[in-house]
Amino acid sequence: MSSSDIFIGETIGTAILILLGGGVCAAVTLKASKARNAGWVAIALGWGFAVMVAAYISTPLSGAHLNPAVTLALAIKDGDWSDVPLYWGSQLLGALIGAALVWIAYYGQFHAHLTDKEIVGGPGAQTTTAKAVEAQEKGAGPVLGVFSTGPEIRNTWQNLATEIIGTFVLILAILTQGLNQDGDGLGALGVLITSFVVVGIGLSLGGPTGYAINPARDLGPRIVHALLPLPNKGGSDWSYAWIPVAGPLIGAAVAAGVYNVAFA
C-alpha cells in the first residue's frame, strides 16, 4: 500500500473511531443529552461499534491499524519498521480531528454541562450533590472523561498493568484471528472479531482505567481538551497521560513477542 493510502486511511479511520467512541462518552456524560446516564454497557458497545465502522472504512486503504499499539505489534512481528512513523502520525492527526468533531457535535451540551453549578460548583450549588467522577480526581476536569481516560483509583503500577493486560488481549486476538491474507492489517472477518474483542475488554477490564488500549485514542483527544475554549473545563490531567500511552505500547510489544514465539 502507498504512503498516501496509509495517511488517508489512518487519518479518516482514526477520526471516525474517536468521533463515534468519544461521541458515546459525551452522550452518556453530558447534560441535555438524550442518552445521559445510559451506563457503562452503552459505552462499551459504542466503542465496539466505533471500531467496527472505522475499521471497515479504512481497511481497504491502510489495513485499519487505527492504533499505534497495533502498528508496533505488526512491526515487531514482521521486522518492518519503515511505515511506523507514518502510521503513528496519521493516527494522532485523526484522533485530534475526531475529538474536535465530538466537541462540535455536542457543542451545546458541553456548554450546558460546564455552566451548571451542580457540576462545576460555585455560588448556589448544593454541597451534597455528587460531582462528575472526573472532577473528583486531582488534575482532571469535569468533562475530561469524554476525551480521554482516567483511573477510578490512582495507583500507578495497577493502572499501568491494567492497560498492559487489556492491550495484550487485544493485540494477541488481532495477531491470531484478525489479520488479512497479507498479514499487514485487519481482514474483513478480523474487523468483526476485533470489534467484539474491544467490547469484551471494555466490559471485563475497563472498570479500573477506562481501557485506553490505544495511545492515539487517549493522547490526541487529551490535547484537544487542553486546547478547546471550554468554560470551567478544568485540567487535562497530564500527570496521568503517560500511562495510557506507555501501557498499550508495552502490552503490544509483549503480545507480539508471545505471538512470534508461540504462534508464528
Protein backbone atom coordinates (compact mmCIF):
# COMPACT_ATOMS: atom_id res chain seq x y z
CA MET A 1 0.00 0.00 0.00
CA SER A 2 1.20 3.51 -0.78
CA SER A 3 2.12 6.24 1.71
CA SER A 4 -0.88 8.28 0.62
CA ASP A 5 -3.21 5.32 1.20
CA ILE A 6 -1.80 4.85 4.69
CA PHE A 7 -2.12 8.54 5.51
CA ILE A 8 -5.68 8.88 4.21
CA GLY A 9 -6.90 5.58 5.62
CA GLU A 10 -5.44 6.01 9.10
CA THR A 11 -6.39 9.67 9.40
CA ILE A 12 -10.00 9.16 8.34
CA GLY A 13 -10.37 5.86 10.15
CA THR A 14 -8.98 7.12 13.45
CA ALA A 15 -11.07 10.30 13.20
CA ILE A 16 -14.22 8.20 12.82
CA LEU A 17 -13.12 5.93 15.66
CA ILE A 18 -12.77 8.88 18.03
CA LEU A 19 -15.88 10.63 16.73
CA LEU A 20 -18.09 7.63 17.49
CA GLY A 21 -16.21 6.45 20.59
CA GLY A 22 -15.86 9.89 22.12
CA GLY A 23 -19.40 10.58 20.98
CA VAL A 24 -20.86 7.79 23.11
CA CYS A 25 -18.87 9.09 26.11
CA ALA A 26 -20.32 12.56 25.50
CA ALA A 27 -23.81 11.15 25.07
CA VAL A 28 -23.67 9.29 28.38
CA THR A 29 -21.92 12.07 30.33
CA LEU A 30 -23.25 15.47 29.32
CA LYS A 31 -26.35 17.30 30.48
CA ALA A 32 -29.13 17.77 27.93
CA SER A 33 -28.07 14.59 26.13
CA LYS A 34 -30.87 12.13 25.45
CA ALA A 35 -28.53 9.26 26.36
CA ARG A 36 -27.25 10.70 29.64
CA ASN A 37 -26.64 8.10 32.34
CA ALA A 38 -27.08 5.25 29.84
CA GLY A 39 -24.24 3.49 31.63
CA TRP A 40 -21.07 1.52 31.07
CA VAL A 41 -22.62 -1.09 28.80
CA ALA A 42 -23.61 1.65 26.36
CA ILE A 43 -20.03 2.97 26.39
CA ALA A 44 -18.52 -0.49 25.80
CA LEU A 45 -20.91 -1.21 22.95
CA GLY A 46 -20.42 2.26 21.50
CA TRP A 47 -16.65 1.84 21.35
CA GLY A 48 -17.03 -1.62 19.81
CA PHE A 49 -19.25 -0.27 17.05
CA ALA A 50 -16.86 2.66 16.62
CA VAL A 51 -14.02 0.22 15.95
CA MET A 52 -16.15 -1.75 13.51
CA VAL A 53 -17.29 1.27 11.46
CA ALA A 54 -13.86 2.92 11.40
CA ALA A 55 -12.03 -0.28 10.53
CA TYR A 56 -14.36 -1.30 7.71
CA ILE A 57 -13.96 2.17 6.19
CA SER A 58 -10.17 2.27 6.42
CA THR A 59 -9.08 -1.34 5.91
CA PRO A 60 -9.07 -1.19 2.07
CA LEU A 61 -6.61 1.71 2.22
CA SER A 62 -4.35 1.21 5.22
CA GLY A 63 -5.23 -2.12 6.82
CA ALA A 64 -7.09 -0.33 9.62
CA HIS A 65 -4.43 -0.22 12.31
CA LEU A 66 -6.07 2.86 13.90
CA ASN A 67 -3.92 2.30 16.96
CA PRO A 68 -0.16 2.80 17.48
CA ALA A 69 -0.12 -0.39 19.55
CA VAL A 70 -1.36 -2.39 16.55
CA THR A 71 1.25 -0.76 14.31
CA LEU A 72 4.01 -1.54 16.82
CA ALA A 73 2.93 -5.16 17.15
CA LEU A 74 2.89 -5.67 13.37
CA ALA A 75 6.33 -4.05 13.08
CA ILE A 76 7.71 -6.43 15.71
CA LYS A 77 6.00 -9.42 14.08
CA ASP A 78 7.29 -8.67 10.59
CA GLY A 79 10.51 -6.80 11.38
CA ASP A 80 9.47 -3.93 9.07
CA TRP A 81 9.57 -0.51 10.73
CA SER A 82 9.58 1.66 7.62
CA ASP A 83 5.96 2.82 7.82
CA VAL A 84 5.66 3.11 11.61
CA PRO A 85 6.20 6.92 11.79
CA LEU A 86 3.61 7.50 9.04
CA TYR A 87 1.05 5.27 10.73
CA TRP A 88 1.61 6.87 14.14
CA GLY A 89 1.46 10.42 12.82
CA SER A 90 -1.69 9.73 10.82
CA GLN A 91 -3.37 8.08 13.79
CA LEU A 92 -2.61 11.01 16.07
CA LEU A 93 -3.87 13.50 13.49
CA GLY A 94 -7.06 11.51 13.05
CA ALA A 95 -7.58 11.38 16.82
CA LEU A 96 -7.23 15.16 17.03
CA ILE A 97 -9.78 15.64 14.26
CA GLY A 98 -12.21 13.15 15.76
CA ALA A 99 -12.10 14.77 19.19
CA ALA A 100 -12.74 18.19 17.67
CA LEU A 101 -15.75 16.77 15.82
CA VAL A 102 -17.17 15.41 19.10
CA TRP A 103 -16.93 18.93 20.53
CA ILE A 104 -18.76 20.37 17.51
CA ALA A 105 -21.49 17.72 17.61
CA TYR A 106 -22.09 18.26 21.34
CA TYR A 107 -21.28 21.96 21.49
CA GLY A 108 -24.49 22.97 23.30
CA GLN A 109 -24.29 20.03 25.69
CA PHE A 110 -20.72 20.90 26.65
CA HIS A 111 -21.78 24.46 27.41
CA ALA A 112 -24.82 23.36 29.42
CA HIS A 113 -22.77 20.85 31.40
CA LEU A 114 -19.87 23.15 32.17
CA THR A 115 -22.03 26.09 33.21
CA ASP A 116 -24.21 24.05 35.56
CA LYS A 117 -23.40 24.94 39.16
CA GLU A 118 -24.17 21.43 40.33
CA ILE A 119 -21.43 20.13 38.01
CA VAL A 120 -18.68 22.72 38.36
CA GLY A 121 -19.59 24.23 41.74
CA GLY A 122 -19.95 27.88 42.64
CA PRO A 123 -22.48 30.05 44.47
CA GLY A 124 -25.82 28.31 44.78
CA ALA A 125 -24.52 24.79 44.24
CA GLN A 126 -25.70 22.09 46.60
CA THR A 127 -22.75 20.85 48.63
CA THR A 128 -24.22 17.35 48.82
CA THR A 129 -24.55 16.94 45.08
CA ALA A 130 -22.05 14.48 43.66
CA LYS A 131 -19.77 15.92 41.04
CA ALA A 132 -18.67 14.06 37.93
CA VAL A 133 -16.20 11.29 38.68
CA GLU A 134 -13.50 13.01 36.66
CA ALA A 135 -13.86 16.20 38.71
CA GLN A 136 -13.07 14.28 41.89
CA GLU A 137 -9.69 13.27 40.56
CA LYS A 138 -6.77 15.62 41.02
CA GLY A 139 -5.90 17.44 37.82
CA ALA A 140 -8.91 16.18 35.83
CA GLY A 141 -11.71 18.48 34.67
CA PRO A 142 -15.40 17.52 34.73
CA VAL A 143 -15.59 16.59 31.02
CA LEU A 144 -12.11 15.15 30.54
CA GLY A 145 -13.62 11.67 30.52
CA VAL A 146 -15.36 12.49 27.26
CA PHE A 147 -11.96 12.97 25.64
CA SER A 148 -9.54 10.66 27.42
CA THR A 149 -9.27 8.04 30.12
CA GLY A 150 -8.60 8.26 33.83
CA PRO A 151 -8.40 5.81 36.74
CA GLU A 152 -11.04 5.25 39.37
CA ILE A 153 -8.26 4.55 41.88
CA ARG A 154 -4.90 6.22 41.30
CA ASN A 155 -2.30 3.54 41.70
CA THR A 156 0.47 3.87 39.14
CA TRP A 157 1.56 0.24 38.91
CA GLN A 158 -2.02 -1.06 38.85
CA ASN A 159 -3.17 1.49 36.26
CA LEU A 160 -0.18 0.69 34.06
CA ALA A 161 -0.67 -3.07 34.48
CA THR A 162 -4.35 -2.79 33.59
CA GLU A 163 -3.54 -1.02 30.32
CA ILE A 164 -0.79 -3.55 29.54
CA ILE A 165 -3.11 -6.51 30.18
CA GLY A 166 -6.03 -5.08 28.19
CA THR A 167 -3.84 -4.24 25.21
CA PHE A 168 -2.12 -7.62 25.36
CA VAL A 169 -5.52 -9.30 24.95
CA LEU A 170 -6.46 -7.00 22.07
CA ILE A 171 -3.21 -7.44 20.16
CA LEU A 172 -2.96 -11.20 20.64
CA ALA A 173 -6.53 -11.56 19.37
CA ILE A 174 -5.71 -9.44 16.32
CA LEU A 175 -2.50 -11.31 15.52
CA THR A 176 -4.06 -14.76 15.88
CA GLN A 177 -7.53 -14.14 14.43
CA GLY A 178 -7.86 -10.73 12.84
CA LEU A 179 -5.24 -10.23 10.12
CA ASN A 180 -5.79 -10.14 6.38
CA GLN A 181 -4.07 -12.55 3.98
CA ASP A 182 -1.02 -10.29 3.71
CA GLY A 183 -0.72 -10.06 7.49
CA ASP A 184 -0.31 -6.27 7.43
CA GLY A 185 -3.73 -5.18 8.68
CA LEU A 186 -7.23 -6.32 9.55
CA GLY A 187 -9.23 -8.56 7.27
CA ALA A 188 -12.98 -8.36 6.74
CA LEU A 189 -13.77 -11.02 9.34
CA GLY A 190 -10.96 -9.73 11.54
CA VAL A 191 -12.68 -6.35 11.83
CA LEU A 192 -15.77 -8.01 13.28
CA ILE A 193 -13.74 -10.18 15.65
CA THR A 194 -11.71 -7.20 16.83
CA SER A 195 -14.84 -5.17 17.46
CA PHE A 196 -16.24 -7.87 19.74
CA VAL A 197 -12.88 -8.18 21.49
CA VAL A 198 -12.93 -4.42 22.22
CA VAL A 199 -16.43 -4.75 23.71
CA GLY A 200 -15.25 -7.66 25.84
CA ILE A 201 -12.22 -5.74 27.08
CA GLY A 202 -14.40 -2.77 27.93
CA LEU A 203 -16.88 -4.86 29.91
CA SER A 204 -14.29 -7.01 31.69
CA LEU A 205 -11.19 -4.82 32.06
CA GLY A 206 -12.43 -1.28 31.51
CA GLY A 207 -13.52 -0.54 35.05
CA PRO A 208 -10.18 0.43 36.62
CA THR A 209 -8.85 2.88 33.98
CA GLY A 210 -11.42 3.28 31.22
CA TYR A 211 -9.41 0.98 28.87
CA ALA A 212 -7.48 3.29 26.58
CA ILE A 213 -5.69 0.31 24.92
CA ASN A 214 -4.72 2.82 22.21
CA PRO A 215 -2.19 5.64 22.73
CA ALA A 216 -3.62 7.83 19.96
CA ARG A 217 -7.16 7.40 21.29
CA ASP A 218 -6.08 8.92 24.61
CA LEU A 219 -3.33 11.39 23.73
CA GLY A 220 -4.99 13.07 20.75
CA PRO A 221 -8.28 13.89 22.49
CA ARG A 222 -6.42 14.92 25.65
CA ILE A 223 -4.52 17.51 23.59
CA VAL A 224 -7.82 18.74 22.10
CA HIS A 225 -9.31 19.03 25.60
CA ALA A 226 -6.33 21.16 26.63
CA LEU A 227 -6.74 23.45 23.60
CA LEU A 228 -10.51 23.87 23.34
CA PRO A 229 -12.12 27.06 24.69
CA LEU A 230 -14.43 25.20 27.07
CA PRO A 231 -15.69 27.15 30.10
CA ASN A 232 -14.76 25.71 33.50
CA LYS A 233 -13.18 22.71 31.79
CA GLY A 234 -10.51 22.16 34.46
CA GLY A 235 -7.25 20.36 33.90
CA SER A 236 -6.25 17.74 31.34
CA ASP A 237 -4.53 15.50 33.93
CA TRP A 238 -1.13 15.42 32.24
CA SER A 239 0.45 13.66 35.21
CA TYR A 240 -1.53 10.54 34.24
CA ALA A 241 -1.25 10.93 30.46
CA TRP A 242 1.87 8.76 30.09
CA ILE A 243 0.12 5.62 31.38
CA PRO A 244 -2.41 5.20 28.52
CA VAL A 245 0.47 5.73 26.10
CA ALA A 246 3.15 3.54 27.66
CA GLY A 247 0.83 0.77 28.87
CA PRO A 248 -0.65 -0.09 25.46
CA LEU A 249 2.76 0.05 23.76
CA ILE A 250 4.25 -2.31 26.35
CA GLY A 251 1.26 -4.63 26.09
CA ALA A 252 1.54 -4.65 22.30
CA ALA A 253 5.25 -5.44 22.41
CA VAL A 254 4.72 -8.32 24.84
CA ALA A 255 1.83 -9.71 22.75
CA ALA A 256 3.90 -9.55 19.56
CA GLY A 257 6.75 -11.34 21.33
CA VAL A 258 4.43 -14.07 22.57
CA TYR A 259 2.96 -14.43 19.07
CA ASN A 260 6.38 -14.79 17.46
CA VAL A 261 7.43 -17.42 19.99
CA ALA A 262 4.20 -19.41 20.30
CA PHE A 263 2.23 -18.93 17.10
CA ALA A 264 4.50 -17.87 14.22
